[in-house]
PDB file of N, CA and C in Angstrom:
ATOM      1  N   MET A   1     -14.792  -1.560  -0.030  1.00  0.00           N
ATOM      2  CA  MET A   1     -13.996  -1.987  -1.274  1.00  0.00           C
ATOM      3  C   MET A   1     -13.014  -3.066  -0.856  1.00  0.00           C
ATOM      4  N   LYS A   2     -12.786  -3.972  -1.715  1.00  0.00           N
ATOM      5  CA  LYS A   2     -12.042  -5.139  -1.479  1.00  0.00           C
ATOM      6  C   LYS A   2     -10.512  -4.772  -1.530  1.00  0.00           C
ATOM      7  N   VAL A   3      -9.807  -5.042  -0.703  1.00  0.00           N
ATOM      8  CA  VAL A   3      -8.286  -4.709  -0.642  1.00  0.00           C
ATOM      9  C   VAL A   3      -7.577  -6.193  -0.985  1.00  0.00           C
ATOM     10  N   ARG A   4      -6.710  -6.231  -1.845  1.00  0.00           N
ATOM     11  CA  ARG A   4      -6.046  -7.343  -2.232  1.00  0.00           C
ATOM     12  C   ARG A   4      -5.022  -7.729  -1.169  1.00  0.00           C
ATOM     13  N   SER A   5      -4.975  -9.126  -0.987  1.00  0.00           N
ATOM     14  CA  SER A   5      -4.048  -9.609   0.139  1.00  0.00           C
ATOM     15  C   SER A   5      -2.707  -9.194   0.154  1.00  0.00           C
ATOM     16  N   SER A   6      -2.225  -8.873  -0.976  1.00  0.00           N
ATOM     17  CA  SER A   6      -0.802  -8.613  -1.209  1.00  0.00           C
ATOM     18  C   SER A   6      -0.542  -7.230  -0.505  1.00  0.00           C
ATOM     19  N   LEU A   7      -1.652  -6.368  -0.548  1.00  0.00           N
ATOM     20  CA  LEU A   7      -1.571  -5.113   0.013  1.00  0.00           C
ATOM     21  C   LEU A   7      -1.785  -5.165   1.419  1.00  0.00           C
ATOM     22  N   ARG A   8      -2.348  -6.059   1.962  1.00  0.00           N
ATOM     23  CA  ARG A   8      -2.767  -6.214   3.245  1.00  0.00           C
ATOM     24  C   ARG A   8      -1.312  -6.477   4.090  1.00  0.00           C
ATOM     25  N   SER A   9      -0.598  -7.553   3.360  1.00  0.00           N
ATOM     26  CA  SER A   9       0.750  -7.738   4.005  1.00  0.00           C
ATOM     27  C   SER A   9       1.688  -6.565   3.921  1.00  0.00           C
ATOM     28  N   LEU A  10       1.615  -5.838   3.041  1.00  0.00           N
ATOM     29  CA  LEU A  10       2.458  -4.586   3.043  1.00  0.00           C
ATOM     30  C   LEU A  10       2.026  -3.397   4.000  1.00  0.00           C
ATOM     31  N   LYS A  11       0.735  -3.509   4.275  1.00  0.00           N
ATOM     32  CA  LYS A  11       0.096  -2.402   5.115  1.00  0.00           C
ATOM     33  C   LYS A  11       0.689  -2.654   6.421  1.00  0.00           C
ATOM     34  N   ARG A  12       0.997  -3.891   6.935  1.00  0.00           N
ATOM     35  CA  ARG A  12       1.610  -4.194   8.365  1.00  0.00           C
ATOM     36  C   ARG A  12       2.930  -3.816   8.534  1.00  0.00           C
ATOM     37  N   LYS A  13       3.674  -3.477   7.453  1.00  0.00           N
ATOM     38  CA  LYS A  13       5.048  -3.247   7.466  1.00  0.00           C
ATOM     39  C   LYS A  13       5.237  -1.819   8.259  1.00  0.00           C
ATOM     40  N   PRO A  14       6.308  -1.788   9.015  1.00  0.00           N
ATOM     41  CA  PRO A  14       6.445  -0.485   9.804  1.00  0.00           C
ATOM     42  C   PRO A  14       6.630   0.857   8.640  1.00  0.00           C
ATOM     43  N   GLY A  15       6.066   1.763   8.921  1.00  0.00           N
ATOM     44  CA  GLY A  15       6.130   2.961   8.039  1.00  0.00           C
ATOM     45  C   GLY A  15       5.381   3.044   6.845  1.00  0.00           C
ATOM     46  N   SER A  16       4.475   2.116   6.576  1.00  0.00           N
ATOM     47  CA  SER A  16       3.682   2.044   5.394  1.00  0.00           C
ATOM     48  C   SER A  16       2.432   2.871   5.662  1.00  0.00           C
ATOM     49  N   VAL A  17       1.966   3.418   4.552  1.00  0.00           N
ATOM     50  CA  VAL A  17       0.739   4.385   4.532  1.00  0.00           C
ATOM     51  C   VAL A  17      -0.055   3.794   3.309  1.00  0.00           C
ATOM     52  N   VAL A  18      -1.321   3.839   3.550  1.00  0.00           N
ATOM     53  CA  VAL A  18      -2.418   3.592   2.526  1.00  0.00           C
ATOM     54  C   VAL A  18      -3.031   4.678   1.905  1.00  0.00           C
ATOM     55  N   VAL A  19      -2.843   5.024   0.890  1.00  0.00           N
ATOM     56  CA  VAL A  19      -3.390   6.373   0.314  1.00  0.00           C
ATOM     57  C   VAL A  19      -4.125   6.090  -0.989  1.00  0.00           C
ATOM     58  N   ARG A  20      -5.053   6.933  -1.431  1.00  0.00           N
ATOM     59  CA  ARG A  20      -5.752   6.793  -2.570  1.00  0.00           C
ATOM     60  C   ARG A  20      -5.260   7.766  -3.657  1.00  0.00           C
ATOM     61  N   ARG A  21      -4.785   7.532  -4.803  1.00  0.00           N
ATOM     62  CA  ARG A  21      -4.169   8.384  -5.833  1.00  0.00           C
ATOM     63  C   ARG A  21      -5.043   8.114  -7.076  1.00  0.00           C
ATOM     64  N   ARG A  22      -5.742   9.281  -7.507  1.00  0.00           N
ATOM     65  CA  ARG A  22      -6.468   9.086  -8.671  1.00  0.00           C
ATOM     66  C   ARG A  22      -7.314   7.842  -8.892  1.00  0.00           C
ATOM     67  N   GLY A  23      -7.958   7.528  -7.679  1.00  0.00           N
ATOM     68  CA  GLY A  23      -9.019   6.392  -7.610  1.00  0.00           C
ATOM     69  C   GLY A  23      -8.286   4.973  -7.625  1.00  0.00           C
ATOM     70  N   LYS A  24      -6.904   5.166  -7.211  1.00  0.00           N
ATOM     71  CA  LYS A  24      -6.191   3.787  -7.141  1.00  0.00           C
ATOM     72  C   LYS A  24      -5.759   3.677  -5.641  1.00  0.00           C
ATOM     73  N   VAL A  25      -5.704   2.425  -5.141  1.00  0.00           N
ATOM     74  CA  VAL A  25      -5.410   2.348  -3.742  1.00  0.00           C
ATOM     75  C   VAL A  25      -3.816   1.929  -3.793  1.00  0.00           C
ATOM     76  N   VAL A  26      -3.012   2.726  -3.095  1.00  0.00           N
ATOM     77  CA  VAL A  26      -1.609   2.633  -3.244  1.00  0.00           C
ATOM     78  C   VAL A  26      -1.039   2.566  -1.772  1.00  0.00           C
ATOM     79  N   VAL A  27      -0.248   1.582  -1.602  1.00  0.00           N
ATOM     80  CA  VAL A  27       0.708   1.471  -0.485  1.00  0.00           C
ATOM     81  C   VAL A  27       2.012   1.987  -0.667  1.00  0.00           C
ATOM     82  N   VAL A  28       2.485   3.060   0.158  1.00  0.00           N
ATOM     83  CA  VAL A  28       3.739   3.537  -0.006  1.00  0.00           C
ATOM     84  C   VAL A  28       4.431   3.366   1.408  1.00  0.00           C
ATOM     85  N   ASN A  29       5.899   3.256   1.453  1.00  0.00           N
ATOM     86  CA  ASN A  29       6.481   3.084   2.738  1.00  0.00           C
ATOM     87  C   ASN A  29       7.593   3.839   2.694  1.00  0.00           C
ATOM     88  N   ARG A  30       7.721   4.866   3.551  1.00  0.00           N
ATOM     89  CA  ARG A  30       8.887   5.889   3.540  1.00  0.00           C
ATOM     90  C   ARG A  30      10.036   5.201   4.216  1.00  0.00           C
ATOM     91  N   ALA A  31       9.913   4.370   5.093  1.00  0.00           N
ATOM     92  CA  ALA A  31      11.079   3.557   5.794  1.00  0.00           C
ATOM     93  C   ALA A  31      11.845   2.903   4.772  1.00  0.00           C
ATOM     94  N   ASN A  32      11.181   1.962   3.932  1.00  0.00           N
ATOM     95  CA  ASN A  32      11.724   1.165   3.081  1.00  0.00           C
ATOM     96  C   ASN A  32      10.947   1.282   1.783  1.00  0.00           C
ATOM     97  N   PRO A  33      11.490   2.156   0.695  1.00  0.00           N
ATOM     98  CA  PRO A  33      10.715   2.382  -0.535  1.00  0.00           C
ATOM     99  C   PRO A  33      10.469   1.234  -1.348  1.00  0.00           C
ATOM    100  N   ARG A  34      11.258  -0.053  -1.191  1.00  0.00           N
ATOM    101  CA  ARG A  34      11.027  -1.098  -2.008  1.00  0.00           C
ATOM    102  C   ARG A  34       9.546  -1.708  -1.707  1.00  0.00           C
ATOM    103  N   TRP A  35       9.063  -1.525  -0.435  1.00  0.00           N
ATOM    104  CA  TRP A  35       7.729  -2.008  -0.034  1.00  0.00           C
ATOM    105  C   TRP A  35       6.629  -1.096  -0.573  1.00  0.00           C
ATOM    106  N   HIS A  36       6.157  -1.344  -1.843  1.00  0.00           N
ATOM    107  CA  HIS A  36       5.095  -0.494  -2.284  1.00  0.00           C
ATOM    108  C   HIS A  36       4.162  -1.399  -3.144  1.00  0.00           C
ATOM    109  N   GLY A  37       3.067  -0.917  -3.297  1.00  0.00           N
ATOM    110  CA  GLY A  37       1.982  -1.792  -3.999  1.00  0.00           C
ATOM    111  C   GLY A  37       1.033  -0.932  -4.544  1.00  0.00           C
ATOM    112  N   ARG A  38       0.178  -1.425  -5.493  1.00  0.00           N
ATOM    113  CA  ARG A  38      -0.948  -0.591  -6.236  1.00  0.00           C
ATOM    114  C   ARG A  38      -1.988  -1.544  -6.488  1.00  0.00           C
ATOM    115  N   GLN A  39      -3.231  -1.066  -6.292  1.00  0.00           N
ATOM    116  CA  GLN A  39      -4.402  -1.864  -6.612  1.00  0.00           C
ATOM    117  C   GLN A  39      -5.422  -0.921  -7.401  1.00  0.00           C
ATOM    118  N   GLY A  40      -5.915  -1.340  -8.516  1.00  0.00           N
ATOM    119  CA  GLY A  40      -6.791  -0.638  -9.307  1.00  0.00           C
ATOM    120  C   GLY A  40      -6.154   0.149 -10.514  1.00  0.00           C
TER     121      GLY A  40
END
């Protein structure tokens, strides 16, 4: 599956987790909640 480049940069931040929720790829960060993204 293609992952958007904006999510790739978020994925590198400390504390970020890539999860799938209801068929969507979501990046959530517990260390800094402002860094989040969604694809799909």
